[in-house]
C-alpha atoms as a PDB file:
ATOM      1  CA  MET A   1      80.032  94.558  95.006  1.00  0.00           C
ATOM      2  CA  ILE A   2      78.601  95.302  91.573  1.00  0.00           C
ATOM      3  CA  VAL A   3      79.300  93.422  88.339  1.00  0.00           C
ATOM      4  CA  SER A   4      77.458  94.507  85.183  1.00  0.00           C
ATOM      5  CA  LEU A   5      78.494  93.527  81.669  1.00  0.00           C
ATOM      6  CA  GLY A   6      75.553  94.947  79.754  1.00  0.00           C
ATOM      7  CA  MET A   7      77.119  96.389  76.618  1.00  0.00           C
ATOM      8  CA  TYR A   8      76.816  93.162  74.592  1.00  0.00           C
ATOM      9  CA  ASP A   9      74.755  91.087  77.020  1.00  0.00           C
ATOM     10  CA  ILE A  10      72.059  90.330  74.431  1.00  0.00           C
ATOM     11  CA  PRO A  11      69.622  87.445  74.978  1.00  0.00           C
ATOM     12  CA  HIS A  12      71.404  84.665  73.108  1.00  0.00           C
ATOM     13  CA  ALA A  13      74.694  85.581  74.823  1.00  0.00           C
ATOM     14  CA  SER A  14      73.440  85.811  78.411  1.00  0.00           C
ATOM     15  CA  ALA A  15      74.271  82.232  79.381  1.00  0.00           C
ATOM     16  CA  ALA A  16      77.796  82.621  77.986  1.00  0.00           C
ATOM     17  CA  TYR A  17      78.258  85.854  79.937  1.00  0.00           C
ATOM     18  CA  ASP A  18      77.128  84.066  83.093  1.00  0.00           C
ATOM     19  CA  LYS A  19      79.819  81.443  82.484  1.00  0.00           C
ATOM     20  CA  LEU A  20      82.418  84.149  81.850  1.00  0.00           C
ATOM     21  CA  TRP A  21      81.588  85.845  85.154  1.00  0.00           C
ATOM     22  CA  SER A  22      81.672  82.544  87.061  1.00  0.00           C
ATOM     23  CA  LEU A  23      85.190  81.942  85.707  1.00  0.00           C
ATOM     24  CA  ILE A  24      86.291  85.481  86.593  1.00  0.00           C
ATOM     25  CA  ARG A  25      84.844  85.129  90.085  1.00  0.00           C
ATOM     26  CA  ALA A  26      86.619  81.811  90.591  1.00  0.00           C
ATOM     27  CA  GLU A  27      89.932  83.452  89.638  1.00  0.00           C
ATOM     28  CA  LEU A  28      89.338  86.460  91.893  1.00  0.00           C
ATOM     29  CA  GLY A  29      87.984  84.448  94.807  1.00  0.00           C
ATOM     30  CA  THR A  30      85.393  87.131  95.482  1.00  0.00           C
ATOM     31  CA  GLY A  31      82.439  88.944  93.945  1.00  0.00           C
ATOM     32  CA  PRO A  32      78.671  88.614  93.657  1.00  0.00           C
ATOM     33  CA  ASN A  33      77.143  85.335  92.608  1.00  0.00           C
ATOM     34  CA  ALA A  34      75.516  86.797  89.518  1.00  0.00           C
ATOM     35  CA  ILE A  35      75.832  89.633  87.032  1.00  0.00           C
ATOM     36  CA  SER A  36      73.564  92.605  87.722  1.00  0.00           C
ATOM     37  CA  ARG A  37      71.161  93.129  84.831  1.00  0.00           C
ATOM     38  CA  ALA A  38      68.623  95.406  86.481  1.00  0.00           C
ATOM     39  CA  GLY A  39      70.653  98.378  87.690  1.00  0.00           C
ATOM     40  CA  ASP A  40      71.254 101.804  86.193  1.00  0.00           C
ATOM     41  CA  LEU A  41      74.518 101.668  84.262  1.00  0.00           C
ATOM     42  CA  TRP A  42      75.573 105.221  85.093  1.00  0.00           C
ATOM     43  CA  ALA A  43      74.997 104.543  88.776  1.00  0.00           C
ATOM     44  CA  ASP A  44      76.895 101.241  88.522  1.00  0.00           C
ATOM     45  CA  TRP A  45      79.836 102.820  86.692  1.00  0.00           C
ATOM     46  CA  GLN A  46      80.277 105.548  89.317  1.00  0.00           C
ATOM     47  CA  SER A  47      79.623 103.428  92.401  1.00  0.00           C
ATOM     48  CA  PRO A  48      82.486 102.843  94.857  1.00  0.00           C
ATOM     49  CA  ASP A  49      81.191  99.261  95.016  1.00  0.00           C
ATOM     50  CA  LEU A  50      81.891  98.622  91.325  1.00  0.00           C
ATOM     51  CA  LEU A  51      84.016  95.513  90.831  1.00  0.00           C
ATOM     52  CA  LEU A  52      83.693  95.101  87.084  1.00  0.00           C
ATOM     53  CA  SER A  53      81.671  96.608  84.269  1.00  0.00           C
ATOM     54  CA  GLN A  54      81.997  97.541  80.625  1.00  0.00           C
ATOM     55  CA  THR A  55      81.407 101.015  79.261  1.00  0.00           C
ATOM     56  CA  CYS A  56      81.581 102.735  75.883  1.00  0.00           C
ATOM     57  CA  GLY A  57      84.553 104.785  74.762  1.00  0.00           C
ATOM     58  CA  LEU A  58      82.643 108.072  74.553  1.00  0.00           C
ATOM     59  CA  PRO A  59      81.139 107.965  78.079  1.00  0.00           C
ATOM     60  CA  TYR A  60      84.565 106.953  79.342  1.00  0.00           C
ATOM     61  CA  ARG A  61      86.440 109.886  77.835  1.00  0.00           C
ATOM     62  CA  ALA A  62      83.636 112.417  78.305  1.00  0.00           C
ATOM     63  CA  ARG A  63      82.570 111.714  81.899  1.00  0.00           C
ATOM     64  CA  LEU A  64      84.171 108.681  83.526  1.00  0.00           C
ATOM     65  CA  TYR A  65      87.939 108.730  82.961  1.00  0.00           C
ATOM     66  CA  ASP A  66      88.662 110.427  86.299  1.00  0.00           C
ATOM     67  CA  LYS A  67      86.007 108.490  88.240  1.00  0.00           C
ATOM     68  CA  VAL A  68      86.900 104.890  87.347  1.00  0.00           C
ATOM     69  CA  THR A  69      89.959 102.733  86.681  1.00  0.00           C
ATOM     70  CA  LEU A  70      90.625 100.974  83.389  1.00  0.00           C
ATOM     71  CA  VAL A  71      90.936  97.201  83.692  1.00  0.00           C
ATOM     72  CA  GLY A  72      91.549  96.403  80.033  1.00  0.00           C
ATOM     73  CA  THR A  73      89.849  96.212  76.667  1.00  0.00           C
ATOM     74  CA  PRO A  74      88.396  93.004  75.254  1.00  0.00           C
ATOM     75  CA  ASP A  75      89.604  92.036  71.809  1.00  0.00           C
ATOM     76  CA  TYR A  76      86.876  90.712  69.499  1.00  0.00           C
ATOM     77  CA  GLY A  77      89.167  89.881  66.600  1.00  0.00           C
ATOM     78  CA  LEU A  78      87.392  92.240  64.224  1.00  0.00           C
ATOM     79  CA  PRO A  79      88.642  92.291  60.635  1.00  0.00           C
ATOM     80  CA  GLY A  80      90.498  95.471  59.755  1.00  0.00           C
ATOM     81  CA  CYS A  81      90.957  96.495  63.396  1.00  0.00           C
ATOM     82  CA  PRO A  82      94.011  96.283  65.687  1.00  0.00           C
ATOM     83  CA  PRO A  83      93.589  94.115  68.813  1.00  0.00           C
ATOM     84  CA  GLY A  84      91.128  95.747  71.194  1.00  0.00           C
ATOM     85  CA  TYR A  85      89.882  98.207  68.588  1.00  0.00           C
ATOM     86  CA  TYR A  86      86.519  98.250  66.845  1.00  0.00           C
ATOM     87  CA  GLN A  87      84.642 100.214  64.218  1.00  0.00           C
ATOM     88  CA  SER A  88      81.107 100.977  63.120  1.00  0.00           C
ATOM     89  CA  TYR A  89      79.270  99.844  60.022  1.00  0.00           C
ATOM     90  CA  ILE A  90      77.139 102.534  58.428  1.00  0.00           C
ATOM     91  CA  LEU A  91      74.045 100.836  57.049  1.00  0.00           C
ATOM     92  CA  ARG A  92      71.453 101.837  54.466  1.00  0.00           C
ATOM     93  CA  ARG A  93      68.582  99.932  52.893  1.00  0.00           C
ATOM     94  CA  SER A  94      69.813  97.577  50.203  1.00  0.00           C
ATOM     95  CA  ASP A  95      67.443  99.155  47.658  1.00  0.00           C
ATOM     96  CA  ASP A  96      68.581 102.715  48.405  1.00  0.00           C
ATOM     97  CA  PRO A  97      71.023 103.894  45.692  1.00  0.00           C
ATOM     98  CA  ARG A  98      72.169 107.043  47.496  1.00  0.00           C
ATOM     99  CA  THR A  99      75.812 107.468  48.389  1.00  0.00           C
ATOM    100  CA  LEU A 100      76.778 108.264  51.965  1.00  0.00           C
ATOM    101  CA  ALA A 101      77.253 111.926  51.020  1.00  0.00           C
ATOM    102  CA  GLU A 102      73.755 112.003  49.542  1.00  0.00           C
ATOM    103  CA  LEU A 103      72.324 110.280  52.615  1.00  0.00           C
ATOM    104  CA  ALA A 104      73.912 112.948  54.824  1.00  0.00           C
ATOM    105  CA  GLN A 105      72.421 115.692  52.675  1.00  0.00           C
ATOM    106  CA  THR A 106      68.930 114.310  52.086  1.00  0.00           C
ATOM    107  CA  GLY A 107      68.390 111.459  54.550  1.00  0.00           C
ATOM    108  CA  THR A 108      67.763 110.897  58.238  1.00  0.00           C
ATOM    109  CA  LEU A 109      70.414 109.344  60.466  1.00  0.00           C
ATOM    110  CA  ALA A 110      69.084 106.990  63.141  1.00  0.00           C
ATOM    111  CA  TYR A 111      71.337 106.933  66.203  1.00  0.00           C
ATOM    112  CA  ASN A 112      70.998 105.248  69.561  1.00  0.00           C
ATOM    113  CA  GLU A 113      72.113 108.097  71.840  1.00  0.00           C
ATOM    114  CA  PRO A 114      74.411 111.140  71.742  1.00  0.00           C
ATOM    115  CA  LEU A 115      76.905 109.571  74.185  1.00  0.00           C
ATOM    116  CA  SER A 116      77.526 106.579  71.926  1.00  0.00           C
ATOM    117  CA  GLN A 117      80.912 106.270  70.250  1.00  0.00           C
ATOM    118  CA  SER A 118      79.717 103.790  67.647  1.00  0.00           C
ATOM    119  CA  GLY A 119      76.230 105.146  67.047  1.00  0.00           C
ATOM    120  CA  TRP A 120      76.952 108.882  67.057  1.00  0.00           C
ATOM    121  CA  ALA A 121      80.605 109.934  67.400  1.00  0.00           C
ATOM    122  CA  ALA A 122      81.930 107.500  64.788  1.00  0.00           C
ATOM    123  CA  PRO A 123      79.534 108.460  61.979  1.00  0.00           C
ATOM    124  CA  VAL A 124      79.912 112.163  62.764  1.00  0.00           C
ATOM    125  CA  ALA A 125      83.704 111.838  62.457  1.00  0.00           C
ATOM    126  CA  HIS A 126      83.431 109.727  59.306  1.00  0.00           C
ATOM    127  CA  LEU A 127      81.079 112.188  57.642  1.00  0.00           C
ATOM    128  CA  ALA A 128      83.314 115.109  58.621  1.00  0.00           C
ATOM    129  CA  GLY A 129      86.148 113.310  56.830  1.00  0.00           C
ATOM    130  CA  ILE A 130      84.202 113.523  53.569  1.00  0.00           C
ATOM    131  CA  GLY A 131      83.055 117.080  54.182  1.00  0.00           C
ATOM    132  CA  HIS A 132      79.597 116.434  55.577  1.00  0.00           C
ATOM    133  CA  ARG A 133      77.589 116.419  58.790  1.00  0.00           C
ATOM    134  CA  PRO A 134      74.347 114.588  59.545  1.00  0.00           C
ATOM    135  CA  GLY A 135      71.306 116.593  58.540  1.00  0.00           C
ATOM    136  CA  ALA A 136      68.085 115.185  59.930  1.00  0.00           C
ATOM    137  CA  THR A 137      68.460 112.784  62.865  1.00  0.00           C
ATOM    138  CA  LEU A 138      66.288 110.356  64.807  1.00  0.00           C
ATOM    139  CA  GLN A 139      67.219 109.157  68.296  1.00  0.00           C
ATOM    140  CA  THR A 140      66.126 105.541  68.816  1.00  0.00           C
ATOM    141  CA  GLY A 141      67.666 104.465  72.135  1.00  0.00           C
ATOM    142  CA  ALA A 142      69.371 101.295  70.853  1.00  0.00           C
ATOM    143  CA  HIS A 143      71.448 100.020  67.942  1.00  0.00           C
ATOM    144  CA  LEU A 144      68.862  97.447  66.924  1.00  0.00           C
ATOM    145  CA  ALA A 145      66.144 100.079  67.047  1.00  0.00           C
ATOM    146  CA  SER A 146      68.254 102.220  64.710  1.00  0.00           C
ATOM    147  CA  ALA A 147      68.660  99.326  62.284  1.00  0.00           C
ATOM    148  CA  HIS A 148      64.913  98.663  62.469  1.00  0.00           C
ATOM    149  CA  ALA A 149      64.159 102.328  61.750  1.00  0.00           C
ATOM    150  CA  VAL A 150      66.258 102.163  58.593  1.00  0.00           C
ATOM    151  CA  ALA A 151      64.713  98.873  57.476  1.00  0.00           C
ATOM    152  CA  GLN A 152      61.199 100.256  58.029  1.00  0.00           C
ATOM    153  CA  GLY A 153      61.919 103.560  56.288  1.00  0.00           C
ATOM    154  CA  THR A 154      61.542 105.930  59.235  1.00  0.00           C
ATOM    155  CA  ALA A 155      65.259 106.693  58.866  1.00  0.00           C
ATOM    156  CA  ASP A 156      67.665 106.268  55.969  1.00  0.00           C
ATOM    157  CA  TYR A 157      70.989 105.247  57.487  1.00  0.00           C
ATOM    158  CA  ALA A 158      72.466 104.257  60.832  1.00  0.00           C
ATOM    159  CA  SER A 159      75.821 103.477  62.391  1.00  0.00           C
ATOM    160  CA  ILE A 160      75.977 100.131  64.202  1.00  0.00           C
ATOM    161  CA  ASP A 161      79.019  98.916  66.065  1.00  0.00           C
ATOM    162  CA  ALA A 162      80.662  95.922  64.420  1.00  0.00           C
ATOM    163  CA  VAL A 163      80.410  93.646  67.462  1.00  0.00           C
ATOM    164  CA  THR A 164      76.672  94.233  67.789  1.00  0.00           C
ATOM    165  CA  TYR A 165      76.226  93.748  64.052  1.00  0.00           C
ATOM    166  CA  MET A 166      78.153  90.483  64.020  1.00  0.00           C
ATOM    167  CA  MET A 167      76.739  89.079  67.262  1.00  0.00           C
ATOM    168  CA  TRP A 168      73.154  89.684  66.165  1.00  0.00           C
ATOM    169  CA  GLY A 169      73.873  88.675  62.597  1.00  0.00           C
ATOM    170  CA  HIS A 170      75.214  85.298  63.698  1.00  0.00           C
ATOM    171  CA  SER A 171      72.037  84.491  65.619  1.00  0.00           C
ATOM    172  CA  ASN A 172      69.331  86.552  63.902  1.00  0.00           C
ATOM    173  CA  ALA A 173      70.497  87.395  60.400  1.00  0.00           C
ATOM    174  CA  TYR A 174      66.996  88.524  59.396  1.00  0.00           C
ATOM    175  CA  ARG A 175      67.444  91.651  61.525  1.00  0.00           C
ATOM    176  CA  PHE A 176      69.785  93.041  58.874  1.00  0.00           C
ATOM    177  CA  ASP A 177      68.541  91.267  55.742  1.00  0.00           C
ATOM    178  CA  ARG A 178      67.144  94.473  54.189  1.00  0.00           C
ATOM    179  CA  LEU A 179      70.283  96.469  54.968  1.00  0.00           C
ATOM    180  CA  GLU A 180      73.761  96.780  53.514  1.00  0.00           C
ATOM    181  CA  ILE A 181      77.020  98.331  54.629  1.00  0.00           C
ATOM    182  CA  VAL A 182      77.710 101.591  52.808  1.00  0.00           C
ATOM    183  CA  ALA A 183      80.830 102.557  54.821  1.00  0.00           C
ATOM    184  CA  ARG A 184      83.086 101.453  57.667  1.00  0.00           C
ATOM    185  CA  THR A 185      84.375 104.016  60.142  1.00  0.00           C
ATOM    186  CA  ASP A 186      87.989 104.255  61.295  1.00  0.00           C
ATOM    187  CA  PRO A 187      88.874 101.870  64.144  1.00  0.00           C
ATOM    188  CA  THR A 188      88.916 103.338  67.637  1.00  0.00           C
ATOM    189  CA  PRO A 189      89.674 101.764  71.048  1.00  0.00           C
ATOM    190  CA  GLY A 190      86.933  99.311  71.986  1.00  0.00           C
ATOM    191  CA  LEU A 191      84.554  99.205  74.915  1.00  0.00           C
ATOM    192  CA  PRO A 192      86.742  98.969  78.040  1.00  0.00           C
ATOM    193  CA  PHE A 193      86.244  96.987  81.200  1.00  0.00           C
ATOM    194  CA  ILE A 194      86.379  99.282  84.235  1.00  0.00           C
ATOM    195  CA  THR A 195      86.414  99.059  88.020  1.00  0.00           C
ATOM    196  CA  SER A 196      86.014 101.629  90.784  1.00  0.00           C
ATOM    197  CA  ARG A 197      88.626 104.304  91.304  1.00  0.00           C
ATOM    198  CA  THR A 198      89.832 102.703  94.543  1.00  0.00           C
ATOM    199  CA  ARG A 199      90.438  99.159  93.261  1.00  0.00           C
ATOM    200  CA  ASP A 200      93.672  97.666  91.962  1.00  0.00           C
ATOM    201  CA  PRO A 201      92.923  96.733  88.316  1.00  0.00           C
ATOM    202  CA  LYS A 202      95.797  94.265  87.907  1.00  0.00           C
ATOM    203  CA  PRO A 203      94.286  91.199  89.626  1.00  0.00           C
ATOM    204  CA  ILE A 204      90.965  91.888  87.918  1.00  0.00           C
ATOM    205  CA  ALA A 205      92.644  92.085  84.506  1.00  0.00           C
ATOM    206  CA  GLN A 206      94.510  88.850  85.188  1.00  0.00           C
ATOM    207  CA  ALA A 207      91.270  87.138  86.200  1.00  0.00           C
ATOM    208  CA  VAL A 208      89.441  88.379  83.094  1.00  0.00           C
ATOM    209  CA  GLY A 209      92.252  87.258  80.811  1.00  0.00           C
ATOM    210  CA  LYS A 210      92.377  83.784  82.361  1.00  0.00           C
ATOM    211  CA  ALA A 211      88.583  83.500  82.243  1.00  0.00           C
ATOM    212  CA  ILE A 212      88.460  84.335  78.542  1.00  0.00           C
ATOM    213  CA  ALA A 213      91.107  81.686  77.863  1.00  0.00           C
ATOM    214  CA  ALA A 214      89.139  79.142  79.912  1.00  0.00           C
ATOM    215  CA  LEU A 215      85.830  79.641  78.092  1.00  0.00           C
ATOM    216  CA  SER A 216      84.580  76.784  75.964  1.00  0.00           C
ATOM    217  CA  SER A 217      85.027  77.254  72.227  1.00  0.00           C
ATOM    218  CA  ASP A 218      81.248  77.643  71.839  1.00  0.00           C
ATOM    219  CA  ASP A 219      80.997  80.339  74.506  1.00  0.00           C
ATOM    220  CA  ARG A 220      84.029  82.165  73.145  1.00  0.00           C
ATOM    221  CA  ARG A 221      82.447  82.090  69.671  1.00  0.00           C
ATOM    222  CA  ILE A 222      79.133  83.449  70.997  1.00  0.00           C
ATOM    223  CA  LEU A 223      80.860  86.264  72.884  1.00  0.00           C
ATOM    224  CA  MET A 224      83.434  86.788  70.084  1.00  0.00           C
ATOM    225  CA  LEU A 225      86.108  87.182  72.773  1.00  0.00           C
ATOM    226  CA  LYS A 226      89.761  86.573  71.890  1.00  0.00           C
ATOM    227  CA  GLN A 227      91.764  88.129  74.728  1.00  0.00           C
ATOM    228  CA  LEU A 228      92.077  91.145  77.018  1.00  0.00           C
ATOM    229  CA  VAL A 229      94.489  93.859  75.888  1.00  0.00           C
ATOM    230  CA  GLN A 230      95.815  97.006  77.557  1.00  0.00           C
ATOM    231  CA  ILE A 231      95.059 100.257  75.749  1.00  0.00           C
ATOM    232  CA  PRO A 232      96.316 103.444  77.452  1.00  0.00           C
ATOM    233  CA  GLN A 233      93.814 105.956  78.801  1.00  0.00           C
ATOM    234  CA  GLN A 234      95.309 108.560  76.497  1.00  0.00           C
ATOM    235  CA  ALA A 235      94.322 106.548  73.418  1.00  0.00           C
ATOM    236  CA  TYR A 236      90.693 107.040  74.432  1.00  0.00           C
ATOM    237  CA  ARG A 237      90.999 110.644  75.532  1.00  0.00           C
ATOM    238  CA  THR A 238      92.671 111.936  72.372  1.00  0.00           C
ATOM    239  CA  ILE A 239      89.588 111.099  70.286  1.00  0.00           C
ATOM    240  CA  PRO A 240      87.509 114.291  69.871  1.00  0.00           C
ATOM    241  CA  ILE A 241      84.189 114.550  71.656  1.00  0.00           C
ATOM    242  CA  PRO A 242      81.551 115.297  69.003  1.00  0.00           C
ATOM    243  CA  LEU A 243      78.938 118.003  69.055  1.00  0.00           C
ATOM    244  CA  THR A 244      75.572 116.809  70.302  1.00  0.00           C
ATOM    245  CA  PRO A 245      72.771 116.313  67.751  1.00  0.00           C
END
């Protein structure tokens, strides 16, 4: 069986994620001893051996919705977002006076990958809402790499998901100390937990919910987890799939 929780499994949160999985496993009474951190996520997500993983909203609605089963969506208690929803923060350098419209026209957008809801789809939709589309782009491979590109001047703005921004900001504020938020995108359903197509998601969801409640206050603060909520598949699938860069 495969368990991979790599979406927000950043270094300072790894021990807390290990504790979360141990609590989930105790509730389920089955599963591997440890989280997989070395596998290929796409292979994990589509494996019949998948017990639990977390994916992004765009890969889910674009490629996975008919290959996996939704377990539930973690709620991170983000300000301005309904339970289980999240948004992106569009960042620019703090000494850059350009508006977002001007950045779209004259700047370079750093994005992690084209199948990222928070790094690509969200800013594309937000810019379309103000009558613009990204001009020049730079693919970086990771949210933090996008933020670094903006800070170093190789790009001019980037869209970072709020959970990543807050988790890293709490532990390494210097990573964003040259950046400021120029816009917040509309909330969309957050990164869902999934299991294989053949598994019953109900006992897994119950185990995840109980495990979140059983976390210590310190671990819950590190992971920013509040609860597990149920968001219908259709809420993900009605969000448009953006054009590729």
